[in-house]
Amino acid sequence: MKKILLTAIIAASALAGAAQAGTAVSDFDFLQAARCRGLAASDGLGKLDTANIDAFLKKESGNRESHVLNSARAKISGAQKDGDKAAGAKKEKLLAERSGACSTFLSVSN
């Protein structure tokens, strides 16, 4: 749990710093946001509103190389499938990731 919280704090700091400085979001953060989008859309985890993260991903897609965009699509799909079939401890782990590390990306409004 401490690792998830630390990851969430680091992601929030990086995202906030990039927004304040007007700099681009790294490919790593973009791909993490894509994974979070998949977790948010999972029926098995309980769907969340994805409007903010969809707008964020659309805005940040502009200057990405095709392999990064392809990887993002794969991460969205894979995370959604993982969430849909998760049960027990795996489901709890994914829910913790979504409410922790993903909370920054899910609440970003553009």
N, C-alpha and C. Protein backbone atom coordinates (compact mmCIF):
# COMPACT_ATOMS: atom_id res chain seq x y z
N MET A 1 0.82 -1.18 0.00
CA MET A 1 0.00 0.00 0.00
C MET A 1 0.87 1.26 0.00
N LYS A 2 1.98 1.21 0.75
CA LYS A 2 2.88 2.36 0.77
C LYS A 2 3.47 2.62 -0.61
N LYS A 3 3.75 1.54 -1.35
CA LYS A 3 4.30 1.68 -2.70
C LYS A 3 3.29 2.36 -3.62
N ILE A 4 2.03 1.98 -3.50
CA ILE A 4 0.97 2.58 -4.34
C ILE A 4 0.82 4.05 -4.00
N LEU A 5 0.82 4.38 -2.71
CA LEU A 5 0.70 5.76 -2.28
C LEU A 5 1.88 6.59 -2.77
N LEU A 6 3.08 6.05 -2.67
CA LEU A 6 4.27 6.75 -3.14
C LEU A 6 4.20 6.98 -4.64
N THR A 7 3.75 5.96 -5.39
CA THR A 7 3.60 6.10 -6.83
C THR A 7 2.59 7.19 -7.16
N ALA A 8 1.49 7.24 -6.42
CA ALA A 8 0.47 8.26 -6.65
C ALA A 8 1.03 9.66 -6.39
N ILE A 9 1.81 9.80 -5.34
CA ILE A 9 2.39 11.10 -5.01
C ILE A 9 3.39 11.54 -6.08
N ILE A 10 4.21 10.61 -6.53
CA ILE A 10 5.18 10.92 -7.57
C ILE A 10 4.47 11.31 -8.87
N ALA A 11 3.45 10.55 -9.24
CA ALA A 11 2.70 10.85 -10.47
C ALA A 11 2.02 12.21 -10.36
N ALA A 12 1.43 12.49 -9.22
CA ALA A 12 0.77 13.78 -9.01
C ALA A 12 1.76 14.93 -9.10
N SER A 13 2.91 14.75 -8.50
CA SER A 13 3.94 15.80 -8.53
C SER A 13 4.44 16.04 -9.95
N ALA A 14 4.69 14.95 -10.67
CA ALA A 14 5.17 15.08 -12.04
C ALA A 14 4.13 15.75 -12.92
N LEU A 15 2.90 15.33 -12.78
CA LEU A 15 1.83 15.89 -13.59
C LEU A 15 1.59 17.35 -13.25
N ALA A 16 1.56 17.67 -11.97
CA ALA A 16 1.37 19.06 -11.56
C ALA A 16 2.52 19.93 -12.01
N GLY A 17 3.74 19.42 -11.89
CA GLY A 17 4.91 20.17 -12.34
C GLY A 17 4.89 20.43 -13.83
N ALA A 18 4.50 19.43 -14.59
CA ALA A 18 4.43 19.59 -16.04
C ALA A 18 3.35 20.59 -16.41
N ALA A 19 2.23 20.54 -15.72
CA ALA A 19 1.14 21.47 -16.03
C ALA A 19 1.54 22.91 -15.70
N GLN A 20 2.20 23.11 -14.55
CA GLN A 20 2.61 24.45 -14.16
C GLN A 20 3.70 24.99 -15.07
N ALA A 21 4.61 24.15 -15.46
CA ALA A 21 5.72 24.59 -16.29
C ALA A 21 5.34 24.66 -17.76
N GLY A 22 4.18 24.12 -18.12
CA GLY A 22 3.77 24.12 -19.50
C GLY A 22 4.55 23.13 -20.35
N THR A 23 5.18 22.16 -19.70
CA THR A 23 5.96 21.18 -20.43
C THR A 23 5.10 19.96 -20.76
N ALA A 24 5.57 19.18 -21.69
CA ALA A 24 4.85 17.99 -22.12
C ALA A 24 4.94 16.91 -21.05
N VAL A 25 3.94 16.07 -21.03
CA VAL A 25 3.91 14.91 -20.15
C VAL A 25 4.79 13.84 -20.78
N SER A 26 5.58 13.14 -19.97
CA SER A 26 6.48 12.11 -20.49
C SER A 26 5.69 10.95 -21.08
N ASP A 27 6.35 10.17 -21.94
CA ASP A 27 5.72 8.97 -22.49
C ASP A 27 5.34 8.01 -21.37
N PHE A 28 6.20 7.90 -20.36
CA PHE A 28 5.92 7.01 -19.23
C PHE A 28 4.60 7.40 -18.56
N ASP A 29 4.43 8.69 -18.26
CA ASP A 29 3.20 9.15 -17.62
C ASP A 29 2.00 8.99 -18.54
N PHE A 30 2.20 9.23 -19.82
CA PHE A 30 1.13 9.05 -20.80
C PHE A 30 0.67 7.60 -20.81
N LEU A 31 1.61 6.67 -20.80
CA LEU A 31 1.26 5.24 -20.81
C LEU A 31 0.63 4.82 -19.48
N GLN A 32 1.08 5.40 -18.38
CA GLN A 32 0.45 5.11 -17.09
C GLN A 32 -0.99 5.61 -17.10
N ALA A 33 -1.23 6.78 -17.67
CA ALA A 33 -2.59 7.30 -17.77
C ALA A 33 -3.46 6.39 -18.64
N ALA A 34 -2.87 5.84 -19.69
CA ALA A 34 -3.61 4.91 -20.55
C ALA A 34 -4.02 3.67 -19.77
N ARG A 35 -3.13 3.13 -18.96
CA ARG A 35 -3.47 1.98 -18.13
C ARG A 35 -4.60 2.34 -17.18
N CYS A 36 -4.51 3.51 -16.58
CA CYS A 36 -5.56 3.97 -15.66
C CYS A 36 -6.90 4.11 -16.37
N ARG A 37 -6.86 4.53 -17.62
CA ARG A 37 -8.09 4.66 -18.41
C ARG A 37 -8.75 3.28 -18.56
N GLY A 38 -7.96 2.27 -18.82
CA GLY A 38 -8.49 0.92 -18.93
C GLY A 38 -9.08 0.42 -17.63
N LEU A 39 -8.42 0.69 -16.52
CA LEU A 39 -8.94 0.29 -15.22
C LEU A 39 -10.24 1.02 -14.90
N ALA A 40 -10.31 2.28 -15.27
CA ALA A 40 -11.52 3.07 -15.00
C ALA A 40 -12.71 2.58 -15.81
N ALA A 41 -12.47 2.02 -16.98
CA ALA A 41 -13.55 1.57 -17.86
C ALA A 41 -13.96 0.12 -17.62
N SER A 42 -13.30 -0.54 -16.69
CA SER A 42 -13.55 -1.96 -16.43
C SER A 42 -14.90 -2.19 -15.75
N ASP A 43 -15.71 -3.05 -16.34
CA ASP A 43 -16.98 -3.45 -15.71
C ASP A 43 -16.72 -4.22 -14.43
N GLY A 44 -15.71 -5.06 -14.45
CA GLY A 44 -15.40 -5.90 -13.29
C GLY A 44 -14.97 -5.12 -12.06
N LEU A 45 -14.40 -3.94 -12.26
CA LEU A 45 -13.98 -3.10 -11.14
C LEU A 45 -15.02 -2.04 -10.80
N GLY A 46 -16.03 -1.93 -11.65
CA GLY A 46 -17.04 -0.88 -11.49
C GLY A 46 -16.61 0.34 -12.28
N LYS A 47 -17.29 0.58 -13.37
CA LYS A 47 -16.90 1.68 -14.26
C LYS A 47 -16.93 3.03 -13.55
N LEU A 48 -15.97 3.85 -13.92
CA LEU A 48 -15.90 5.24 -13.46
C LEU A 48 -16.08 6.17 -14.65
N ASP A 49 -16.36 7.42 -14.39
CA ASP A 49 -16.44 8.42 -15.44
C ASP A 49 -15.04 8.63 -16.02
N THR A 50 -14.90 8.47 -17.32
CA THR A 50 -13.59 8.59 -17.96
C THR A 50 -13.44 9.88 -18.76
N ALA A 51 -14.37 10.80 -18.62
CA ALA A 51 -14.33 12.03 -19.44
C ALA A 51 -13.03 12.80 -19.25
N ASN A 52 -12.59 12.99 -18.02
CA ASN A 52 -11.37 13.76 -17.77
C ASN A 52 -10.14 13.08 -18.33
N ILE A 53 -10.02 11.79 -18.08
CA ILE A 53 -8.82 11.08 -18.56
C ILE A 53 -8.86 10.95 -20.08
N ASP A 54 -10.04 10.81 -20.67
CA ASP A 54 -10.15 10.78 -22.13
C ASP A 54 -9.68 12.10 -22.74
N ALA A 55 -10.09 13.20 -22.14
CA ALA A 55 -9.66 14.52 -22.62
C ALA A 55 -8.15 14.69 -22.46
N PHE A 56 -7.62 14.23 -21.34
CA PHE A 56 -6.18 14.30 -21.09
C PHE A 56 -5.41 13.50 -22.13
N LEU A 57 -5.84 12.26 -22.37
CA LEU A 57 -5.14 11.40 -23.33
C LEU A 57 -5.24 11.98 -24.75
N LYS A 58 -6.39 12.52 -25.09
CA LYS A 58 -6.55 13.12 -26.42
C LYS A 58 -5.61 14.31 -26.58
N LYS A 59 -5.58 15.16 -25.57
CA LYS A 59 -4.71 16.35 -25.61
C LYS A 59 -3.24 15.95 -25.71
N GLU A 60 -2.84 14.94 -24.97
CA GLU A 60 -1.44 14.53 -24.91
C GLU A 60 -1.03 13.61 -26.06
N SER A 61 -1.98 13.16 -26.87
CA SER A 61 -1.68 12.26 -27.99
C SER A 61 -1.02 12.97 -29.15
N GLY A 62 -1.22 14.25 -29.25
CA GLY A 62 -0.82 15.03 -30.41
C GLY A 62 0.56 14.77 -30.97
N ASN A 63 1.58 14.83 -30.16
CA ASN A 63 2.96 14.72 -30.65
C ASN A 63 3.62 13.39 -30.31
N ARG A 64 2.82 12.40 -29.99
CA ARG A 64 3.38 11.08 -29.63
C ARG A 64 3.73 10.30 -30.88
N GLU A 65 4.79 9.53 -30.79
CA GLU A 65 5.17 8.65 -31.90
C GLU A 65 4.18 7.50 -31.96
N SER A 66 4.07 6.90 -33.14
CA SER A 66 3.06 5.86 -33.36
C SER A 66 3.23 4.67 -32.43
N HIS A 67 4.47 4.29 -32.12
CA HIS A 67 4.66 3.14 -31.23
C HIS A 67 4.16 3.44 -29.81
N VAL A 68 4.24 4.69 -29.38
CA VAL A 68 3.73 5.07 -28.06
C VAL A 68 2.20 5.02 -28.07
N LEU A 69 1.60 5.52 -29.14
CA LEU A 69 0.14 5.49 -29.25
C LEU A 69 -0.37 4.05 -29.32
N ASN A 70 0.35 3.19 -30.05
CA ASN A 70 -0.04 1.78 -30.12
C ASN A 70 0.08 1.11 -28.76
N SER A 71 1.14 1.44 -28.05
CA SER A 71 1.34 0.89 -26.71
C SER A 71 0.24 1.38 -25.76
N ALA A 72 -0.16 2.63 -25.91
CA ALA A 72 -1.24 3.18 -25.07
C ALA A 72 -2.55 2.44 -25.32
N ARG A 73 -2.87 2.18 -26.59
CA ARG A 73 -4.09 1.44 -26.90
C ARG A 73 -4.03 0.04 -26.30
N ALA A 74 -2.87 -0.59 -26.37
CA ALA A 74 -2.71 -1.93 -25.80
C ALA A 74 -2.84 -1.90 -24.28
N LYS A 75 -2.30 -0.87 -23.65
CA LYS A 75 -2.41 -0.75 -22.19
C LYS A 75 -3.86 -0.55 -21.76
N ILE A 76 -4.59 0.29 -22.49
CA ILE A 76 -6.01 0.50 -22.17
C ILE A 76 -6.77 -0.82 -22.26
N SER A 77 -6.60 -1.50 -23.37
CA SER A 77 -7.30 -2.77 -23.59
C SER A 77 -6.90 -3.82 -22.56
N GLY A 78 -5.61 -3.96 -22.33
CA GLY A 78 -5.12 -4.96 -21.39
C GLY A 78 -5.58 -4.71 -19.97
N ALA A 79 -5.53 -3.46 -19.53
CA ALA A 79 -5.95 -3.12 -18.17
C ALA A 79 -7.45 -3.34 -18.00
N GLN A 80 -8.21 -3.00 -19.03
CA GLN A 80 -9.65 -3.20 -18.95
C GLN A 80 -9.98 -4.70 -18.86
N LYS A 81 -9.30 -5.51 -19.67
CA LYS A 81 -9.51 -6.96 -19.62
C LYS A 81 -9.10 -7.52 -18.27
N ASP A 82 -7.95 -7.06 -17.74
CA ASP A 82 -7.50 -7.51 -16.43
C ASP A 82 -8.53 -7.20 -15.35
N GLY A 83 -9.06 -5.98 -15.41
CA GLY A 83 -10.07 -5.58 -14.43
C GLY A 83 -11.36 -6.36 -14.57
N ASP A 84 -11.75 -6.65 -15.80
CA ASP A 84 -13.00 -7.38 -16.03
C ASP A 84 -12.96 -8.80 -15.50
N LYS A 85 -11.79 -9.42 -15.53
CA LYS A 85 -11.71 -10.82 -15.09
C LYS A 85 -11.09 -10.99 -13.70
N ALA A 86 -10.72 -9.89 -13.06
CA ALA A 86 -10.06 -9.96 -11.75
C ALA A 86 -11.03 -10.38 -10.66
N ALA A 87 -10.51 -11.12 -9.71
CA ALA A 87 -11.29 -11.54 -8.54
C ALA A 87 -10.36 -11.60 -7.34
N GLY A 88 -10.94 -11.55 -6.17
CA GLY A 88 -10.18 -11.70 -4.94
C GLY A 88 -9.08 -10.68 -4.76
N ALA A 89 -7.89 -11.17 -4.42
CA ALA A 89 -6.75 -10.30 -4.12
C ALA A 89 -6.32 -9.49 -5.35
N LYS A 90 -6.40 -10.08 -6.52
CA LYS A 90 -6.03 -9.36 -7.76
C LYS A 90 -6.97 -8.18 -7.97
N LYS A 91 -8.25 -8.38 -7.74
CA LYS A 91 -9.23 -7.30 -7.90
C LYS A 91 -8.93 -6.19 -6.90
N GLU A 92 -8.66 -6.56 -5.66
CA GLU A 92 -8.34 -5.57 -4.63
C GLU A 92 -7.09 -4.77 -5.00
N LYS A 93 -6.10 -5.44 -5.56
CA LYS A 93 -4.86 -4.77 -5.98
C LYS A 93 -5.14 -3.77 -7.10
N LEU A 94 -5.95 -4.17 -8.07
CA LEU A 94 -6.29 -3.26 -9.17
C LEU A 94 -7.13 -2.09 -8.68
N LEU A 95 -8.05 -2.33 -7.77
CA LEU A 95 -8.85 -1.24 -7.20
C LEU A 95 -7.97 -0.27 -6.43
N ALA A 96 -6.99 -0.80 -5.71
CA ALA A 96 -6.06 0.06 -4.97
C ALA A 96 -5.22 0.90 -5.93
N GLU A 97 -4.78 0.30 -7.03
CA GLU A 97 -4.03 1.05 -8.04
C GLU A 97 -4.89 2.16 -8.62
N ARG A 98 -6.13 1.81 -8.95
CA ARG A 98 -7.03 2.79 -9.55
C ARG A 98 -7.33 3.94 -8.60
N SER A 99 -7.54 3.65 -7.33
CA SER A 99 -7.86 4.71 -6.38
C SER A 99 -6.61 5.44 -5.88
N GLY A 100 -5.44 4.83 -6.07
CA GLY A 100 -4.19 5.45 -5.64
C GLY A 100 -3.47 6.13 -6.77
N ALA A 101 -2.65 5.36 -7.47
CA ALA A 101 -1.80 5.90 -8.54
C ALA A 101 -2.61 6.54 -9.66
N CYS A 102 -3.78 6.02 -9.91
CA CYS A 102 -4.59 6.54 -11.03
C CYS A 102 -5.43 7.76 -10.67
N SER A 103 -5.59 8.03 -9.41
CA SER A 103 -6.49 9.12 -9.00
C SER A 103 -6.09 10.47 -9.62
N THR A 104 -4.81 10.70 -9.75
CA THR A 104 -4.35 11.95 -10.35
C THR A 104 -4.81 12.07 -11.79
N PHE A 105 -4.64 11.00 -12.55
CA PHE A 105 -5.02 11.02 -13.96
C PHE A 105 -6.53 11.07 -14.14
N LEU A 106 -7.26 10.43 -13.26
CA LEU A 106 -8.72 10.39 -13.40
C LEU A 106 -9.35 11.72 -13.02
N SER A 107 -8.66 12.53 -12.22
CA SER A 107 -9.24 13.80 -11.80
C SER A 107 -8.72 15.00 -12.58
N VAL A 108 -7.78 14.79 -13.48
CA VAL A 108 -7.24 15.89 -14.28
C VAL A 108 -8.34 16.43 -15.17
N SER A 109 -8.51 17.74 -15.14
CA SER A 109 -9.49 18.34 -16.05
C SER A 109 -8.76 19.27 -17.00
N ASN A 110 -9.08 19.13 -18.26
CA ASN A 110 -8.40 19.92 -19.30
C ASN A 110 -9.35 20.85 -19.97
